[in-house]
Amino acid sequence: MRQLHGFAQGLGLDEFNLRVIVERVIVYMPWMSDEDRLAKARNWMLIAAQ
């Protein structure tokens, strides 16, 4: 989550939304590698920021 914090701030997302996205990625995609989960979380943050 630390790696995503700066990215989320740059998009204007607050910490609550960041936590929700990270938790959902972890729960719904446990089989993915950490790198893939980070990429998925970034994509979801981009969508949420629009």
PDB file of N, CA and C in Angstrom:
ATOM      1  N   MET A   1       0.824  -1.182   0.000  1.00  0.00           N
ATOM      2  CA  MET A   1       0.000   0.000   0.000  1.00  0.00           C
ATOM      3  C   MET A   1       0.870   1.248   0.000  1.00  0.00           C
ATOM      4  N   ARG A   2       2.018   1.167   0.578  1.00  0.00           N
ATOM      5  CA  ARG A   2       2.916   2.319   0.593  1.00  0.00           C
ATOM      6  C   ARG A   2       3.286   2.752  -0.812  1.00  0.00           C
ATOM      7  N   GLN A   3       3.500   1.778  -1.685  1.00  0.00           N
ATOM      8  CA  GLN A   3       3.873   2.086  -3.057  1.00  0.00           C
ATOM      9  C   GLN A   3       2.749   2.805  -3.792  1.00  0.00           C
ATOM     10  N   LEU A   4       1.526   2.579  -3.389  1.00  0.00           N
ATOM     11  CA  LEU A   4       0.382   3.158  -4.067  1.00  0.00           C
ATOM     12  C   LEU A   4      -0.052   4.496  -3.481  1.00  0.00           C
ATOM     13  N   HIS A   5       0.420   4.826  -2.303  1.00  0.00           N
ATOM     14  CA  HIS A   5      -0.032   6.033  -1.611  1.00  0.00           C
ATOM     15  C   HIS A   5       0.259   7.291  -2.427  1.00  0.00           C
ATOM     16  N   GLY A   6       1.466   7.435  -2.905  1.00  0.00           N
ATOM     17  CA  GLY A   6       1.821   8.608  -3.697  1.00  0.00           C
ATOM     18  C   GLY A   6       1.045   8.685  -4.995  1.00  0.00           C
ATOM     19  N   PHE A   7       0.842   7.535  -5.617  1.00  0.00           N
ATOM     20  CA  PHE A   7       0.068   7.463  -6.852  1.00  0.00           C
ATOM     21  C   PHE A   7      -1.362   7.929  -6.596  1.00  0.00           C
ATOM     22  N   ALA A   8      -1.953   7.449  -5.502  1.00  0.00           N
ATOM     23  CA  ALA A   8      -3.331   7.820  -5.153  1.00  0.00           C
ATOM     24  C   ALA A   8      -3.434   9.311  -4.857  1.00  0.00           C
ATOM     25  N   GLN A   9      -2.464   9.861  -4.155  1.00  0.00           N
ATOM     26  CA  GLN A   9      -2.480  11.286  -3.851  1.00  0.00           C
ATOM     27  C   GLN A   9      -2.401  12.107  -5.128  1.00  0.00           C
ATOM     28  N   GLY A  10      -1.572  11.671  -6.062  1.00  0.00           N
ATOM     29  CA  GLY A  10      -1.457  12.370  -7.334  1.00  0.00           C
ATOM     30  C   GLY A  10      -2.753  12.387  -8.119  1.00  0.00           C
ATOM     31  N   LEU A  11      -3.570  11.365  -7.920  1.00  0.00           N
ATOM     32  CA  LEU A  11      -4.867  11.291  -8.590  1.00  0.00           C
ATOM     33  C   LEU A  11      -5.971  12.013  -7.817  1.00  0.00           C
ATOM     34  N   GLY A  12      -5.654  12.429  -6.595  1.00  0.00           N
ATOM     35  CA  GLY A  12      -6.651  13.109  -5.770  1.00  0.00           C
ATOM     36  C   GLY A  12      -7.528  12.172  -4.966  1.00  0.00           C
ATOM     37  N   LEU A  13      -7.130  10.913  -4.833  1.00  0.00           N
ATOM     38  CA  LEU A  13      -7.904   9.956  -4.044  1.00  0.00           C
ATOM     39  C   LEU A  13      -7.489  10.042  -2.581  1.00  0.00           C
ATOM     40  N   ASP A  14      -8.460   9.924  -1.695  1.00  0.00           N
ATOM     41  CA  ASP A  14      -8.134   9.939  -0.271  1.00  0.00           C
ATOM     42  C   ASP A  14      -7.718   8.539   0.192  1.00  0.00           C
ATOM     43  N   GLU A  15      -7.262   8.473   1.423  1.00  0.00           N
ATOM     44  CA  GLU A  15      -6.754   7.206   1.947  1.00  0.00           C
ATOM     45  C   GLU A  15      -7.852   6.147   2.079  1.00  0.00           C
ATOM     46  N   PHE A  16      -9.068   6.563   2.387  1.00  0.00           N
ATOM     47  CA  PHE A  16     -10.174   5.609   2.497  1.00  0.00           C
ATOM     48  C   PHE A  16     -10.378   4.865   1.179  1.00  0.00           C
ATOM     49  N   ASN A  17     -10.452   5.613   0.083  1.00  0.00           N
ATOM     50  CA  ASN A  17     -10.644   4.977  -1.219  1.00  0.00           C
ATOM     51  C   ASN A  17      -9.467   4.089  -1.588  1.00  0.00           C
ATOM     52  N   LEU A  18      -8.264   4.512  -1.258  1.00  0.00           N
ATOM     53  CA  LEU A  18      -7.082   3.687  -1.510  1.00  0.00           C
ATOM     54  C   LEU A  18      -7.201   2.363  -0.770  1.00  0.00           C
ATOM     55  N   ARG A  19      -7.582   2.408   0.497  1.00  0.00           N
ATOM     56  CA  ARG A  19      -7.719   1.178   1.283  1.00  0.00           C
ATOM     57  C   ARG A  19      -8.787   0.249   0.716  1.00  0.00           C
ATOM     58  N   VAL A  20      -9.901   0.819   0.305  1.00  0.00           N
ATOM     59  CA  VAL A  20     -10.979   0.008  -0.261  1.00  0.00           C
ATOM     60  C   VAL A  20     -10.493  -0.707  -1.515  1.00  0.00           C
ATOM     61  N   ILE A  21      -9.826   0.009  -2.393  1.00  0.00           N
ATOM     62  CA  ILE A  21      -9.328  -0.584  -3.631  1.00  0.00           C
ATOM     63  C   ILE A  21      -8.310  -1.672  -3.340  1.00  0.00           C
ATOM     64  N   VAL A  22      -7.363  -1.401  -2.465  1.00  0.00           N
ATOM     65  CA  VAL A  22      -6.330  -2.390  -2.135  1.00  0.00           C
ATOM     66  C   VAL A  22      -6.956  -3.638  -1.512  1.00  0.00           C
ATOM     67  N   GLU A  23      -7.879  -3.456  -0.594  1.00  0.00           N
ATOM     68  CA  GLU A  23      -8.535  -4.610   0.036  1.00  0.00           C
ATOM     69  C   GLU A  23      -9.285  -5.456  -0.986  1.00  0.00           C
ATOM     70  N   ARG A  24      -9.974  -4.809  -1.900  1.00  0.00           N
ATOM     71  CA  ARG A  24     -10.720  -5.559  -2.917  1.00  0.00           C
ATOM     72  C   ARG A  24      -9.797  -6.324  -3.841  1.00  0.00           C
ATOM     73  N   VAL A  25      -8.702  -5.717  -4.220  1.00  0.00           N
ATOM     74  CA  VAL A  25      -7.742  -6.414  -5.086  1.00  0.00           C
ATOM     75  C   VAL A  25      -7.187  -7.639  -4.373  1.00  0.00           C
ATOM     76  N   ILE A  26      -6.849  -7.502  -3.111  1.00  0.00           N
ATOM     77  CA  ILE A  26      -6.281  -8.622  -2.341  1.00  0.00           C
ATOM     78  C   ILE A  26      -7.311  -9.738  -2.178  1.00  0.00           C
ATOM     79  N   VAL A  27      -8.550  -9.372  -1.832  1.00  0.00           N
ATOM     80  CA  VAL A  27      -9.589 -10.376  -1.579  1.00  0.00           C
ATOM     81  C   VAL A  27     -10.010 -11.094  -2.857  1.00  0.00           C
ATOM     82  N   TYR A  28     -10.214 -10.338  -3.933  1.00  0.00           N
ATOM     83  CA  TYR A  28     -10.757 -10.927  -5.149  1.00  0.00           C
ATOM     84  C   TYR A  28      -9.711 -11.531  -6.079  1.00  0.00           C
ATOM     85  N   MET A  29      -8.434 -11.238  -5.848  1.00  0.00           N
ATOM     86  CA  MET A  29      -7.389 -11.739  -6.741  1.00  0.00           C
ATOM     87  C   MET A  29      -6.193 -12.291  -5.967  1.00  0.00           C
ATOM     88  N   PRO A  30      -6.425 -13.240  -5.063  1.00  0.00           N
ATOM     89  CA  PRO A  30      -5.312 -13.736  -4.234  1.00  0.00           C
ATOM     90  C   PRO A  30      -4.274 -14.538  -5.005  1.00  0.00           C
ATOM     91  N   TRP A  31      -4.628 -15.056  -6.163  1.00  0.00           N
ATOM     92  CA  TRP A  31      -3.718 -15.889  -6.945  1.00  0.00           C
ATOM     93  C   TRP A  31      -2.714 -15.063  -7.757  1.00  0.00           C
ATOM     94  N   MET A  32      -2.956 -13.776  -7.897  1.00  0.00           N
ATOM     95  CA  MET A  32      -2.078 -12.932  -8.701  1.00  0.00           C
ATOM     96  C   MET A  32      -0.789 -12.612  -7.956  1.00  0.00           C
ATOM     97  N   SER A  33       0.252 -12.344  -8.708  1.00  0.00           N
ATOM     98  CA  SER A  33       1.516 -11.930  -8.090  1.00  0.00           C
ATOM     99  C   SER A  33       1.353 -10.512  -7.530  1.00  0.00           C
ATOM    100  N   ASP A  34       2.256 -10.119  -6.655  1.00  0.00           N
ATOM    101  CA  ASP A  34       2.189  -8.778  -6.071  1.00  0.00           C
ATOM    102  C   ASP A  34       2.275  -7.711  -7.160  1.00  0.00           C
ATOM    103  N   GLU A  35       3.127  -7.917  -8.137  1.00  0.00           N
ATOM    104  CA  GLU A  35       3.268  -6.949  -9.229  1.00  0.00           C
ATOM    105  C   GLU A  35       1.958  -6.804 -10.000  1.00  0.00           C
ATOM    106  N   ASP A  36       1.302  -7.918 -10.269  1.00  0.00           N
ATOM    107  CA  ASP A  36       0.032  -7.873 -10.997  1.00  0.00           C
ATOM    108  C   ASP A  36      -1.057  -7.195 -10.167  1.00  0.00           C
ATOM    109  N   ARG A  37      -1.042  -7.451  -8.867  1.00  0.00           N
ATOM    110  CA  ARG A  37      -2.035  -6.798  -8.003  1.00  0.00           C
ATOM    111  C   ARG A  37      -1.796  -5.292  -7.933  1.00  0.00           C
ATOM    112  N   LEU A  38      -0.524  -4.880  -7.896  1.00  0.00           N
ATOM    113  CA  LEU A  38      -0.227  -3.448  -7.902  1.00  0.00           C
ATOM    114  C   LEU A  38      -0.730  -2.806  -9.190  1.00  0.00           C
ATOM    115  N   ALA A  39      -0.506  -3.466 -10.306  1.00  0.00           N
ATOM    116  CA  ALA A  39      -0.962  -2.941 -11.593  1.00  0.00           C
ATOM    117  C   ALA A  39      -2.484  -2.850 -11.626  1.00  0.00           C
ATOM    118  N   LYS A  40      -3.160  -3.869 -11.129  1.00  0.00           N
ATOM    119  CA  LYS A  40      -4.627  -3.867 -11.098  1.00  0.00           C
ATOM    120  C   LYS A  40      -5.135  -2.746 -10.194  1.00  0.00           C
ATOM    121  N   ALA A  41      -4.516  -2.567  -9.036  1.00  0.00           N
ATOM    122  CA  ALA A  41      -4.928  -1.498  -8.120  1.00  0.00           C
ATOM    123  C   ALA A  41      -4.735  -0.136  -8.768  1.00  0.00           C
ATOM    124  N   ARG A  42      -3.624   0.063  -9.471  1.00  0.00           N
ATOM    125  CA  ARG A  42      -3.403   1.336 -10.165  1.00  0.00           C
ATOM    126  C   ARG A  42      -4.491   1.578 -11.214  1.00  0.00           C
ATOM    127  N   ASN A  43      -4.832   0.545 -11.956  1.00  0.00           N
ATOM    128  CA  ASN A  43      -5.889   0.682 -12.963  1.00  0.00           C
ATOM    129  C   ASN A  43      -7.215   1.067 -12.320  1.00  0.00           C
ATOM    130  N   TRP A  44      -7.552   0.414 -11.214  1.00  0.00           N
ATOM    131  CA  TRP A  44      -8.805   0.732 -10.524  1.00  0.00           C
ATOM    132  C   TRP A  44      -8.780   2.141  -9.952  1.00  0.00           C
ATOM    133  N   MET A  45      -7.616   2.594  -9.500  1.00  0.00           N
ATOM    134  CA  MET A  45      -7.505   3.968  -8.991  1.00  0.00           C
ATOM    135  C   MET A  45      -7.698   4.975 -10.120  1.00  0.00           C
ATOM    136  N   LEU A  46      -7.168   4.687 -11.285  1.00  0.00           N
ATOM    137  CA  LEU A  46      -7.375   5.573 -12.432  1.00  0.00           C
ATOM    138  C   LEU A  46      -8.857   5.683 -12.764  1.00  0.00           C
ATOM    139  N   ILE A  47      -9.559   4.571 -12.714  1.00  0.00           N
ATOM    140  CA  ILE A  47     -10.990   4.568 -12.993  1.00  0.00           C
ATOM    141  C   ILE A  47     -11.735   5.362 -11.902  1.00  0.00           C
ATOM    142  N   ALA A  48     -11.362   5.152 -10.651  1.00  0.00           N
ATOM    143  CA  ALA A  48     -12.036   5.833  -9.539  1.00  0.00           C
ATOM    144  C   ALA A  48     -11.800   7.337  -9.560  1.00  0.00           C
ATOM    145  N   ALA A  49     -10.676   7.762 -10.101  1.00  0.00           N
ATOM    146  CA  ALA A  49     -10.336   9.183 -10.103  1.00  0.00           C
ATOM    147  C   ALA A  49     -11.077   9.972 -11.182  1.00  0.00           C
ATOM    148  N   GLN A  50     -11.704   9.301 -12.102  1.00  0.00           N
ATOM    149  CA  GLN A  50     -12.386  10.012 -13.200  1.00  0.00           C
ATOM    150  C   GLN A  50     -13.695  10.589 -12.783  1.00  0.00           C
TER     151      GLN A  50
END
